Amino acid sequence: MSIAETVQNGAAPVALPSRVGQGTAVEQSRAVAQVQAAMFVAQQYPRNTQAANAAMRETCKIQRLAEKAFFRFNRGGEDGVITGPTVHLARELARCWGNIEYGLIEMRRDDEHGQSEMQAFAWDIERNTRNASTFIVPHVRWTKKGGAKALADPRDIYENNASNGARRVREAIFAVLPLWFTGEAQDICMETLQKGGGLPLAQRITNCVEKFQDAGVSLDQLERKVGLSSGKWTPVDLAQLTVIFGSLQRGEVRVEDEFEPRHVTVAQLGAPTAPKAPEGAPASGPRCEKHAQPDATCDDCRAEQAAVDRQLATAEAGAS
């Protein structure tokens, strides 16, 4: 069909390359053959659902996987905190389920406009069920203050693309896995977190507090987060704190997003203290050098008292 005939039929002509290189032709043939071979092998060796389920249960009982199985992200505003399974858990479940292919492809990098066109996909080869999404990733890194920093270094761009693409790959994998399979896996991972690798509860609480203190979070902040003193924490409380700590390490949340400010006393802020009263004189507040006790009729005494009151009010406001 000629271009004229195509336009008359109401369709826009598609520009095709005048020739196809030998390398391109070989790659096209290889891609087709690879897909056909993958489908053939999947049909010849179908997955064993019982074996896949047993593998999933076994791997989700591993403490190291359970600690990376959940994320926590503070979006702010009305959305608040968002939680869910991580890409680490998604990849492990895809391995257990079998006959699944997934990945992230950089389809085009546009340095002129500072963006990359990416595609994330997951394909259940045996069932021929595929989920894919195409999206644009700007070559920028968002700062904590809400600003955007342009990326120029190829490694920074690659890491930024991989970070954004990991979330799409996660969703693609979960889209082709059965809901009952992923749901049971998350339940087992949470149960594993609550058990804490078999350590006594008191030791796990101590370890948790020490890890957070190294990250700049005090015991007081942890207790206010949980709503109980550390001696009354339960395995469920520790599991939630473990998820928060993992998200802090991965940079998904910040300390100020998850925890209230520290409680600071006036003494810790270095609030001024009243001059020491002469021996035998009652300590009843600031007074000038002329008087052993505050004198309401003395301008110097009133000025000293007003200065102390202002500094105390400022210190208390900062602590709150």
Protein backbone atom coordinates (compact mmCIF):
# COMPACT_ATOMS: atom_id res chain seq x y z
CA MET A 1 0.00 0.00 0.00
CA SER A 2 1.41 3.39 -1.01
CA ILE A 3 1.59 6.43 1.25
CA ALA A 4 -1.17 8.09 -0.76
CA GLU A 5 -3.45 5.09 -0.26
CA THR A 6 -2.67 5.08 3.45
CA VAL A 7 -3.58 8.76 3.86
CA GLN A 8 -6.82 8.25 1.89
CA ASN A 9 -7.80 5.49 4.33
CA GLY A 10 -7.46 7.96 7.19
CA ALA A 11 -4.24 6.59 8.74
CA ALA A 12 -1.05 8.59 9.13
CA PRO A 13 1.97 7.12 7.33
CA VAL A 14 4.59 5.48 9.55
CA ALA A 15 8.21 6.32 8.82
CA LEU A 16 10.19 3.10 8.40
CA PRO A 17 13.95 2.80 8.04
CA SER A 18 15.10 2.41 4.45
CA ARG A 19 17.33 -0.50 5.42
CA VAL A 20 17.99 -2.72 8.42
CA GLY A 21 21.57 -3.37 9.43
CA GLN A 22 22.89 -6.86 9.89
CA GLY A 23 23.40 -6.33 13.63
CA THR A 24 19.83 -5.10 14.08
CA ALA A 25 18.43 -8.03 12.12
CA VAL A 26 20.43 -10.51 14.20
CA GLU A 27 19.25 -8.91 17.44
CA GLN A 28 15.62 -8.99 16.30
CA SER A 29 15.87 -12.68 15.41
CA ARG A 30 17.63 -13.45 18.69
CA ALA A 31 14.93 -11.67 20.73
CA VAL A 32 12.15 -13.61 18.99
CA ALA A 33 13.97 -16.91 19.45
CA GLN A 34 14.63 -16.16 23.11
CA VAL A 35 10.94 -15.51 23.80
CA GLN A 36 9.89 -18.66 21.99
CA ALA A 37 12.48 -20.74 23.84
CA ALA A 38 11.44 -19.33 27.23
CA MET A 39 7.78 -20.15 26.59
CA PHE A 40 8.67 -23.64 25.38
CA VAL A 41 10.77 -24.41 28.46
CA ALA A 42 8.08 -23.02 30.79
CA GLN A 43 5.49 -25.28 29.18
CA GLN A 44 7.78 -28.30 29.39
CA TYR A 45 8.67 -27.67 33.03
CA PRO A 46 5.62 -26.06 34.66
CA ARG A 47 5.92 -24.78 38.21
CA ASN A 48 4.98 -26.94 41.15
CA THR A 49 2.66 -24.73 43.21
CA GLN A 50 3.16 -26.74 46.38
CA ALA A 51 6.93 -26.60 46.04
CA ALA A 52 6.80 -22.86 45.33
CA ASN A 53 4.62 -22.31 48.39
CA ALA A 54 6.99 -24.34 50.57
CA ALA A 55 10.00 -22.38 49.27
CA MET A 56 8.22 -19.11 50.01
CA ARG A 57 7.40 -20.13 53.59
CA GLU A 58 10.97 -21.24 54.21
CA THR A 59 12.62 -18.09 52.88
CA CYS A 60 10.21 -15.72 54.68
CA LYS A 61 11.29 -17.25 58.00
CA ILE A 62 14.80 -15.86 57.48
CA GLN A 63 15.38 -12.85 59.74
CA ARG A 64 17.57 -10.93 57.27
CA LEU A 65 14.89 -11.06 54.58
CA ALA A 66 12.11 -10.13 57.01
CA GLU A 67 14.02 -7.03 58.07
CA LYS A 68 14.07 -5.84 54.44
CA ALA A 69 10.57 -7.00 53.54
CA PHE A 70 8.68 -3.78 54.35
CA PHE A 71 9.13 -0.10 53.61
CA ARG A 72 7.77 3.00 55.30
CA PHE A 73 7.50 6.31 53.47
CA ASN A 74 6.26 9.64 54.82
CA ARG A 75 4.57 11.43 51.93
CA GLY A 76 3.34 14.31 54.09
CA GLY A 77 0.13 16.25 53.74
CA GLU A 78 -3.11 14.31 53.79
CA ASP A 79 -1.53 11.06 52.52
CA GLY A 80 0.58 10.61 55.65
CA VAL A 81 2.71 7.50 56.12
CA ILE A 82 2.63 4.82 53.41
CA THR A 83 3.80 1.28 54.14
CA GLY A 84 4.04 -1.89 52.07
CA PRO A 85 6.27 -4.74 50.83
CA THR A 86 9.64 -3.84 49.31
CA VAL A 87 11.19 -4.76 45.97
CA HIS A 88 13.52 -7.10 47.88
CA LEU A 89 10.56 -9.22 48.93
CA ALA A 90 9.04 -9.04 45.43
CA ARG A 91 12.21 -10.38 43.80
CA GLU A 92 12.50 -13.19 46.33
CA LEU A 93 8.87 -14.21 45.79
CA ALA A 94 9.38 -14.19 42.01
CA ARG A 95 12.33 -16.55 42.48
CA CYS A 96 10.24 -18.90 44.62
CA TRP A 97 7.26 -18.82 42.23
CA GLY A 98 9.41 -19.58 39.19
CA ASN A 99 8.92 -19.14 35.43
CA ILE A 100 8.82 -15.36 35.85
CA GLU A 101 10.92 -12.82 34.00
CA TYR A 102 11.15 -9.22 35.20
CA GLY A 103 13.40 -6.25 34.64
CA LEU A 104 13.95 -2.55 34.03
CA ILE A 105 14.85 -1.13 30.60
CA GLU A 106 16.16 2.34 29.79
CA MET A 107 14.47 2.84 26.44
CA ARG A 108 15.85 6.32 25.74
CA ARG A 109 18.03 8.87 27.49
CA ASP A 110 17.43 12.49 26.59
CA ASP A 111 20.31 14.58 27.94
CA GLU A 112 19.00 17.69 26.20
CA HIS A 113 15.79 17.69 28.21
CA GLY A 114 17.31 15.95 31.24
CA GLN A 115 15.15 12.84 31.39
CA SER A 116 15.08 9.10 30.65
CA GLU A 117 12.25 7.01 29.24
CA MET A 118 12.08 3.77 31.22
CA GLN A 119 10.05 0.58 31.13
CA ALA A 120 9.51 -1.83 34.04
CA PHE A 121 7.95 -5.22 33.37
CA ALA A 122 7.18 -8.62 34.82
CA TRP A 123 6.12 -11.61 32.75
CA ASP A 124 4.72 -14.92 33.96
CA ILE A 125 6.05 -17.01 31.08
CA GLU A 126 4.03 -20.10 31.92
CA ARG A 127 0.68 -18.29 32.09
CA ASN A 128 1.69 -15.71 29.47
CA THR A 129 0.59 -12.92 31.81
CA ARG A 130 2.57 -9.70 31.46
CA ASN A 131 2.52 -6.38 33.27
CA ALA A 132 4.56 -3.42 32.01
CA SER A 133 4.65 0.32 32.59
CA THR A 134 6.49 3.04 30.69
CA PHE A 135 7.43 6.20 32.59
CA ILE A 136 9.67 9.26 32.46
CA VAL A 137 12.38 9.82 35.08
CA PRO A 138 13.74 13.41 35.31
CA HIS A 139 17.49 13.66 35.85
CA VAL A 140 17.08 15.49 39.15
CA ARG A 141 17.50 14.66 42.82
CA TRP A 142 15.04 16.18 45.28
CA THR A 143 16.58 17.77 48.35
CA LYS A 144 15.18 17.69 51.88
CA LYS A 145 14.06 21.31 51.51
CA GLY A 146 11.93 20.48 48.47
CA GLY A 147 14.33 21.78 45.85
CA ALA A 148 15.61 19.92 42.79
CA LYS A 149 19.28 19.38 41.93
CA ALA A 150 20.05 18.60 38.30
CA LEU A 151 22.16 15.47 37.68
CA ALA A 152 24.92 15.41 35.08
CA ASP A 153 27.22 12.58 36.14
CA PRO A 154 26.31 9.30 34.33
CA ARG A 155 26.58 7.31 37.56
CA ASP A 156 24.19 9.67 39.39
CA ILE A 157 21.72 9.39 36.51
CA TYR A 158 21.97 5.59 36.50
CA GLU A 159 21.40 5.36 40.27
CA ASN A 160 18.47 7.78 40.05
CA ASN A 161 16.88 5.75 37.25
CA ALA A 162 17.41 2.48 39.13
CA SER A 163 15.90 3.90 42.31
CA ASN A 164 12.78 5.17 40.53
CA GLY A 165 12.50 2.01 38.45
CA ALA A 166 12.72 -0.35 41.43
CA ARG A 167 9.30 0.76 42.65
CA ARG A 168 7.73 0.06 39.24
CA VAL A 169 9.43 -3.34 39.03
CA ARG A 170 8.03 -4.16 42.46
CA GLU A 171 4.50 -3.30 41.39
CA ALA A 172 4.89 -5.24 38.14
CA ILE A 173 6.00 -8.39 39.98
CA PHE A 174 3.18 -8.19 42.48
CA ALA A 175 0.74 -7.69 39.59
CA VAL A 176 1.54 -11.12 38.12
CA LEU A 177 1.89 -13.04 41.40
CA PRO A 178 -1.23 -14.50 43.07
CA LEU A 179 -2.64 -12.39 45.88
CA TRP A 180 -2.83 -15.33 48.26
CA PHE A 181 0.85 -16.04 47.66
CA THR A 182 2.06 -12.50 48.38
CA GLY A 183 -0.36 -12.04 51.28
CA GLU A 184 0.85 -15.16 53.09
CA ALA A 185 4.46 -14.16 52.50
CA GLN A 186 3.93 -10.78 54.16
CA ASP A 187 2.21 -12.40 57.14
CA ILE A 188 5.12 -14.80 57.64
CA CYS A 189 7.68 -12.01 57.34
CA MET A 190 5.89 -9.96 60.00
CA GLU A 191 5.70 -13.01 62.25
CA THR A 192 9.44 -13.52 61.75
CA LEU A 193 10.09 -9.92 62.79
CA GLN A 194 8.03 -10.39 65.92
CA LYS A 195 10.02 -13.50 66.90
CA GLY A 196 13.27 -11.59 66.52
CA GLY A 197 15.52 -14.49 65.63
CA GLY A 198 14.95 -16.31 68.91
CA LEU A 199 16.64 -13.68 71.13
CA PRO A 200 15.07 -12.85 74.52
CA LEU A 201 12.69 -9.90 74.39
CA ALA A 202 14.78 -7.85 76.84
CA GLN A 203 17.91 -8.29 74.72
CA ARG A 204 16.03 -7.35 71.56
CA ILE A 205 14.75 -4.16 73.23
CA THR A 206 18.29 -3.24 74.28
CA ASN A 207 19.63 -3.86 70.78
CA CYS A 208 16.81 -1.81 69.23
CA VAL A 209 17.43 1.16 71.53
CA GLU A 210 21.17 1.09 70.82
CA LYS A 211 20.64 1.02 67.04
CA PHE A 212 18.31 4.01 67.18
CA GLN A 213 20.63 5.95 69.47
CA ASP A 214 23.41 5.50 66.92
CA ALA A 215 21.00 7.00 64.36
CA GLY A 216 20.34 10.02 66.59
CA VAL A 217 17.03 8.90 68.15
CA SER A 218 16.79 8.98 71.95
CA LEU A 219 15.00 6.49 74.20
CA ASP A 220 12.49 9.18 75.12
CA GLN A 221 11.58 9.65 71.44
CA LEU A 222 11.17 5.89 70.98
CA GLU A 223 8.90 5.59 74.02
CA ARG A 224 6.72 8.46 72.84
CA LYS A 225 6.53 6.85 69.37
CA VAL A 226 5.36 3.51 70.79
CA GLY A 227 3.28 5.08 73.55
CA LEU A 228 4.79 2.85 76.25
CA SER A 229 7.95 2.71 78.31
CA SER A 230 10.61 0.40 76.86
CA GLY A 231 10.01 -2.19 79.58
CA LYS A 232 6.45 -2.69 78.33
CA TRP A 233 7.22 -3.04 74.62
CA THR A 234 5.80 -6.09 72.88
CA PRO A 235 7.20 -8.08 69.92
CA VAL A 236 4.72 -6.24 67.67
CA ASP A 237 6.14 -2.88 68.82
CA LEU A 238 9.67 -4.07 68.05
CA ALA A 239 8.59 -5.27 64.61
CA GLN A 240 7.21 -1.83 63.76
CA LEU A 241 10.37 -0.13 65.03
CA THR A 242 12.45 -2.52 62.91
CA VAL A 243 10.53 -1.46 59.79
CA ILE A 244 11.06 2.21 60.68
CA PHE A 245 14.79 1.67 61.25
CA GLY A 246 15.17 -0.04 57.88
CA SER A 247 13.40 2.84 56.14
CA LEU A 248 15.68 5.33 57.94
CA GLN A 249 18.74 3.47 56.67
CA ARG A 250 17.42 3.44 53.09
CA GLY A 251 16.55 7.14 53.24
CA GLU A 252 12.81 6.58 52.76
CA VAL A 253 11.97 8.58 55.88
CA ARG A 254 13.77 11.06 58.13
CA VAL A 255 14.06 11.13 61.91
CA GLU A 256 12.01 14.33 62.09
CA ASP A 257 9.26 12.69 60.01
CA GLU A 258 8.80 9.75 62.37
CA PHE A 259 9.68 11.05 65.82
CA GLU A 260 8.70 14.02 67.94
CA PRO A 261 11.47 16.48 68.92
CA ARG A 262 13.55 15.60 71.94
CA HIS A 263 12.42 16.83 75.34
CA VAL A 264 15.05 19.27 76.58
CA THR A 265 15.00 20.71 80.09
CA VAL A 266 15.80 24.31 80.91
CA ALA A 267 18.93 23.15 82.72
CA GLN A 268 20.14 21.35 79.56
CA LEU A 269 19.65 24.55 77.58
CA GLY A 270 21.88 26.45 79.99
CA ALA A 271 19.21 28.73 81.43
CA PRO A 272 20.62 31.45 83.69
CA THR A 273 20.56 30.83 87.39
CA ALA A 274 20.00 33.39 90.05
CA PRO A 275 23.01 34.80 91.94
CA LYS A 276 23.76 32.89 95.10
CA ALA A 277 22.25 34.56 98.11
CA PRO A 278 24.45 35.60 101.02
CA GLU A 279 24.69 33.09 103.84
CA GLY A 280 21.55 33.13 105.93
CA ALA A 281 19.46 34.93 103.30
CA PRO A 282 16.49 33.05 101.75
CA ALA A 283 16.88 32.16 98.08
CA SER A 284 13.76 33.78 96.69
CA GLY A 285 14.83 34.85 93.22
CA PRO A 286 17.13 37.31 91.40
CA ARG A 287 18.26 40.42 93.23
CA CYS A 288 20.78 43.13 92.61
CA GLU A 289 24.07 43.71 94.39
CA LYS A 290 22.44 46.18 96.77
CA HIS A 291 19.91 43.76 98.25
CA ALA A 292 20.21 40.30 99.79
CA GLN A 293 16.59 39.63 98.81
CA PRO A 294 14.54 40.84 95.83
CA ASP A 295 13.10 44.27 96.40
CA ALA A 296 10.00 45.11 94.36
CA THR A 297 10.76 48.83 94.66
CA CYS A 298 14.28 48.43 93.26
CA ASP A 299 14.66 48.99 89.51
CA ASP A 300 17.75 46.76 89.33
CA CYS A 301 15.97 43.86 91.05
CA ARG A 302 12.99 44.14 88.71
CA ALA A 303 15.26 44.31 85.64
CA GLU A 304 17.15 41.19 86.69
CA GLN A 305 13.91 39.30 87.32
CA ALA A 306 12.46 40.36 83.95
CA ALA A 307 15.61 39.24 82.12
CA VAL A 308 15.49 35.81 83.76
CA ASP A 309 11.78 35.45 82.98
CA ARG A 310 12.37 36.23 79.30
CA GLN A 311 15.21 33.71 78.99
CA LEU A 312 13.21 31.01 80.74
CA ALA A 313 10.23 31.59 78.46
CA THR A 314 12.50 31.35 75.38
CA ALA A 315 14.11 28.15 76.64
CA GLU A 316 10.74 26.52 77.40
CA ALA A 317 9.38 27.49 73.97
CA GLY A 318 12.39 25.89 72.30
CA ALA A 319 11.98 22.72 74.34
CA SER A 320 8.33 22.37 73.37
